[in-house]
Amino acid sequence: MLDPPLFANQVEMHPLLQQADLLADAQAHDHWLVAFCPLAQGAVFDVPEVREVADRHGVSPARVSLAWLLSKDNVAVIPKASSLDHLRDNLAAANLDLDEADLARIDSIDRERRIIDREYAPWNR
C-alpha cells in the first residue's frame, strides 16, 4: 500500500521566519504550507519593513503580514484573533493587494526568529 500524498504541512511561518526552503518544496511537490503563528505573537508589529508597508497602505502590520503570506502560492494562514476587531482585520488581509515593491520589502527581511521552539524539534537535535 502506498502512503497517501502529502496535502499540507503546518509550520511556523511569518516575515521573521519565512521558510523559503519549505515553501519551495511545497510548490515543487504541489502541497500546501499552513502558516501557524503568522504574526509571530505580535513580533511582526515592530518590524520596520512591515510597518513601512502598513503605513503606506494605511492598515495594520497584522493585515500586511497576513496579506504577504497569502500572496505566496501554496500558503494558507491560521491566525489567532483575540477580539472581533482582530478577526475583521485578519479577514481583511485577503483583500489587501500588496504590490511587487511591498512584497520585495518584506521578502528582504533577513532574520530567522522562531517563536515556537520545542526541545524535541528536529532543528534542535
C-alpha atoms as a PDB file:
ATOM      1  CA  MET A   1       0.000   0.000   0.000  1.00  0.00           C
ATOM      2  CA  LEU A   2       1.308   3.440  -0.923  1.00  0.00           C
ATOM      3  CA  ASP A   3       1.301   6.288   1.530  1.00  0.00           C
ATOM      4  CA  PRO A   4      -1.224   8.954   0.600  1.00  0.00           C
ATOM      5  CA  PRO A   5       0.361  12.091  -0.866  1.00  0.00           C
ATOM      6  CA  LEU A   6       1.063  14.977   1.464  1.00  0.00           C
ATOM      7  CA  PHE A   7      -1.649  17.611   1.272  1.00  0.00           C
ATOM      8  CA  ALA A   8      -0.463  20.176   3.813  1.00  0.00           C
ATOM      9  CA  ASN A   9       2.436  20.798   6.161  1.00  0.00           C
ATOM     10  CA  GLN A  10       1.685  23.021   9.147  1.00  0.00           C
ATOM     11  CA  VAL A  11       4.725  25.155  10.006  1.00  0.00           C
ATOM     12  CA  GLU A  12       5.549  28.336  11.856  1.00  0.00           C
ATOM     13  CA  MET A  13       5.803  30.963   9.149  1.00  0.00           C
ATOM     14  CA  HIS A  14       5.832  34.756   9.250  1.00  0.00           C
ATOM     15  CA  PRO A  15       8.015  37.634   7.980  1.00  0.00           C
ATOM     16  CA  LEU A  16      10.644  36.800  10.625  1.00  0.00           C
ATOM     17  CA  LEU A  17      10.711  33.080   9.726  1.00  0.00           C
ATOM     18  CA  GLN A  18       9.973  32.925   6.014  1.00  0.00           C
ATOM     19  CA  GLN A  19      10.562  29.186   5.461  1.00  0.00           C
ATOM     20  CA  ALA A  20      11.850  29.654   1.899  1.00  0.00           C
ATOM     21  CA  ASP A  21      13.099  26.068   1.547  1.00  0.00           C
ATOM     22  CA  LEU A  22       9.862  24.546   2.827  1.00  0.00           C
ATOM     23  CA  LEU A  23       7.846  26.850   0.574  1.00  0.00           C
ATOM     24  CA  ALA A  24       9.881  25.901  -2.490  1.00  0.00           C
ATOM     25  CA  ASP A  25       9.395  22.219  -1.660  1.00  0.00           C
ATOM     26  CA  ALA A  26       5.650  22.680  -1.186  1.00  0.00           C
ATOM     27  CA  GLN A  27       5.332  24.459  -4.512  1.00  0.00           C
ATOM     28  CA  ALA A  28       7.507  21.890  -6.318  1.00  0.00           C
ATOM     29  CA  HIS A  29       5.526  18.961  -4.903  1.00  0.00           C
ATOM     30  CA  ASP A  30       2.096  20.576  -5.033  1.00  0.00           C
ATOM     31  CA  HIS A  31       1.194  20.607  -1.372  1.00  0.00           C
ATOM     32  CA  TRP A  32       0.343  23.455   0.967  1.00  0.00           C
ATOM     33  CA  LEU A  33       2.081  25.122   3.858  1.00  0.00           C
ATOM     34  CA  VAL A  34      -0.315  26.117   6.612  1.00  0.00           C
ATOM     35  CA  ALA A  35       1.291  29.028   8.437  1.00  0.00           C
ATOM     36  CA  PHE A  36       0.720  28.930  12.169  1.00  0.00           C
ATOM     37  CA  CYS A  37       1.836  31.797  14.404  1.00  0.00           C
ATOM     38  CA  PRO A  38       1.693  34.044  11.298  1.00  0.00           C
ATOM     39  CA  LEU A  39       2.063  37.222  13.353  1.00  0.00           C
ATOM     40  CA  ALA A  40       4.946  35.855  15.455  1.00  0.00           C
ATOM     41  CA  GLN A  41       2.858  36.512  18.576  1.00  0.00           C
ATOM     42  CA  GLY A  42       2.894  40.224  17.731  1.00  0.00           C
ATOM     43  CA  ALA A  43       6.624  40.486  16.987  1.00  0.00           C
ATOM     44  CA  VAL A  44       5.913  41.450  13.361  1.00  0.00           C
ATOM     45  CA  PHE A  45       4.180  44.632  14.559  1.00  0.00           C
ATOM     46  CA  ASP A  46       7.571  46.152  15.372  1.00  0.00           C
ATOM     47  CA  VAL A  47       9.421  45.104  12.218  1.00  0.00           C
ATOM     48  CA  PRO A  48      10.350  48.292  10.308  1.00  0.00           C
ATOM     49  CA  GLU A  49       9.781  46.770   6.861  1.00  0.00           C
ATOM     50  CA  VAL A  50       6.289  45.576   7.827  1.00  0.00           C
ATOM     51  CA  ARG A  51       5.427  48.898   9.492  1.00  0.00           C
ATOM     52  CA  GLU A  52       6.564  50.856   6.403  1.00  0.00           C
ATOM     53  CA  VAL A  53       4.278  48.832   4.135  1.00  0.00           C
ATOM     54  CA  ALA A  54       1.408  49.092   6.639  1.00  0.00           C
ATOM     55  CA  ASP A  55       1.814  52.871   6.917  1.00  0.00           C
ATOM     56  CA  ARG A  56       1.892  53.217   3.143  1.00  0.00           C
ATOM     57  CA  HIS A  57      -1.429  51.377   2.849  1.00  0.00           C
ATOM     58  CA  GLY A  58      -2.999  52.834   5.995  1.00  0.00           C
ATOM     59  CA  VAL A  59      -3.574  49.383   7.505  1.00  0.00           C
ATOM     60  CA  SER A  60      -2.266  47.380  10.445  1.00  0.00           C
ATOM     61  CA  PRO A  61       1.017  45.459  10.412  1.00  0.00           C
ATOM     62  CA  ALA A  62      -1.076  42.342  11.114  1.00  0.00           C
ATOM     63  CA  ARG A  63      -3.026  42.826   7.909  1.00  0.00           C
ATOM     64  CA  VAL A  64       0.180  43.343   5.930  1.00  0.00           C
ATOM     65  CA  SER A  65       1.849  40.246   7.386  1.00  0.00           C
ATOM     66  CA  LEU A  66      -1.165  38.073   6.602  1.00  0.00           C
ATOM     67  CA  ALA A  67      -1.535  39.542   3.100  1.00  0.00           C
ATOM     68  CA  TRP A  68       2.162  38.865   2.474  1.00  0.00           C
ATOM     69  CA  LEU A  69       1.707  35.221   3.444  1.00  0.00           C
ATOM     70  CA  LEU A  70      -1.465  34.914   1.363  1.00  0.00           C
ATOM     71  CA  SER A  71       0.396  36.305  -1.658  1.00  0.00           C
ATOM     72  CA  LYS A  72       2.560  33.175  -1.698  1.00  0.00           C
ATOM     73  CA  ASP A  73       1.408  30.231  -3.813  1.00  0.00           C
ATOM     74  CA  ASN A  74       0.530  27.174  -1.733  1.00  0.00           C
ATOM     75  CA  VAL A  75       0.282  29.039   1.587  1.00  0.00           C
ATOM     76  CA  ALA A  76      -2.728  29.249   3.898  1.00  0.00           C
ATOM     77  CA  VAL A  77      -2.733  31.051   7.248  1.00  0.00           C
ATOM     78  CA  ILE A  78      -4.331  30.302  10.595  1.00  0.00           C
ATOM     79  CA  PRO A  79      -4.046  33.475  12.679  1.00  0.00           C
ATOM     80  CA  LYS A  80      -5.389  33.751  16.192  1.00  0.00           C
ATOM     81  CA  ALA A  81      -7.902  36.513  16.883  1.00  0.00           C
ATOM     82  CA  SER A  82      -8.467  37.753  20.423  1.00  0.00           C
ATOM     83  CA  SER A  83     -11.333  40.096  19.538  1.00  0.00           C
ATOM     84  CA  LEU A  84     -13.936  40.728  16.871  1.00  0.00           C
ATOM     85  CA  ASP A  85     -11.878  43.696  15.612  1.00  0.00           C
ATOM     86  CA  HIS A  86      -8.816  41.471  15.220  1.00  0.00           C
ATOM     87  CA  LEU A  87     -10.898  38.863  13.418  1.00  0.00           C
ATOM     88  CA  ARG A  88     -12.166  41.520  10.989  1.00  0.00           C
ATOM     89  CA  ASP A  89      -8.634  42.814  10.423  1.00  0.00           C
ATOM     90  CA  ASN A  90      -7.379  39.280   9.789  1.00  0.00           C
ATOM     91  CA  LEU A  91     -10.142  38.616   7.266  1.00  0.00           C
ATOM     92  CA  ALA A  92      -9.493  41.945   5.522  1.00  0.00           C
ATOM     93  CA  ALA A  93      -5.965  40.768   4.732  1.00  0.00           C
ATOM     94  CA  ALA A  94      -7.416  38.652   1.925  1.00  0.00           C
ATOM     95  CA  ASN A  95      -8.433  41.871   0.156  1.00  0.00           C
ATOM     96  CA  LEU A  96      -5.167  43.776   0.602  1.00  0.00           C
ATOM     97  CA  ASP A  97      -3.222  43.872  -2.643  1.00  0.00           C
ATOM     98  CA  LEU A  98       0.460  44.310  -1.967  1.00  0.00           C
ATOM     99  CA  ASP A  99       2.476  45.371  -4.991  1.00  0.00           C
ATOM    100  CA  GLU A 100       5.823  43.912  -6.037  1.00  0.00           C
ATOM    101  CA  ALA A 101       7.737  46.573  -4.085  1.00  0.00           C
ATOM    102  CA  ASP A 102       5.760  45.784  -0.916  1.00  0.00           C
ATOM    103  CA  LEU A 103       6.377  42.062  -1.302  1.00  0.00           C
ATOM    104  CA  ALA A 104      10.064  42.578  -2.040  1.00  0.00           C
ATOM    105  CA  ARG A 105      10.413  44.830   1.017  1.00  0.00           C
ATOM    106  CA  ILE A 106       9.059  42.118   3.310  1.00  0.00           C
ATOM    107  CA  ASP A 107      10.912  39.353   1.456  1.00  0.00           C
ATOM    108  CA  SER A 108      14.131  41.270   2.158  1.00  0.00           C
ATOM    109  CA  ILE A 109      13.846  40.730   5.919  1.00  0.00           C
ATOM    110  CA  ASP A 110      16.911  38.660   6.703  1.00  0.00           C
ATOM    111  CA  ARG A 111      16.144  37.185  10.113  1.00  0.00           C
ATOM    112  CA  GLU A 112      15.122  33.810  11.398  1.00  0.00           C
ATOM    113  CA  ARG A 113      13.226  34.279  14.628  1.00  0.00           C
ATOM    114  CA  ARG A 114      11.412  31.156  15.698  1.00  0.00           C
ATOM    115  CA  ILE A 115       8.646  31.809  18.239  1.00  0.00           C
ATOM    116  CA  ILE A 116       7.575  28.217  18.904  1.00  0.00           C
ATOM    117  CA  ASP A 117      10.770  26.301  19.666  1.00  0.00           C
ATOM    118  CA  ARG A 118      10.212  22.873  21.169  1.00  0.00           C
ATOM    119  CA  GLU A 119      13.190  21.000  22.627  1.00  0.00           C
ATOM    120  CA  TYR A 120      12.216  17.879  20.688  1.00  0.00           C
ATOM    121  CA  ALA A 121      12.034  19.684  17.330  1.00  0.00           C
ATOM    122  CA  PRO A 122      14.347  18.305  14.645  1.00  0.00           C
ATOM    123  CA  TRP A 123      16.220  21.614  14.279  1.00  0.00           C
ATOM    124  CA  ASN A 124      17.251  21.319  17.963  1.00  0.00           C
ATOM    125  CA  ARG A 125      18.876  17.907  17.591  1.00  0.00           C
END
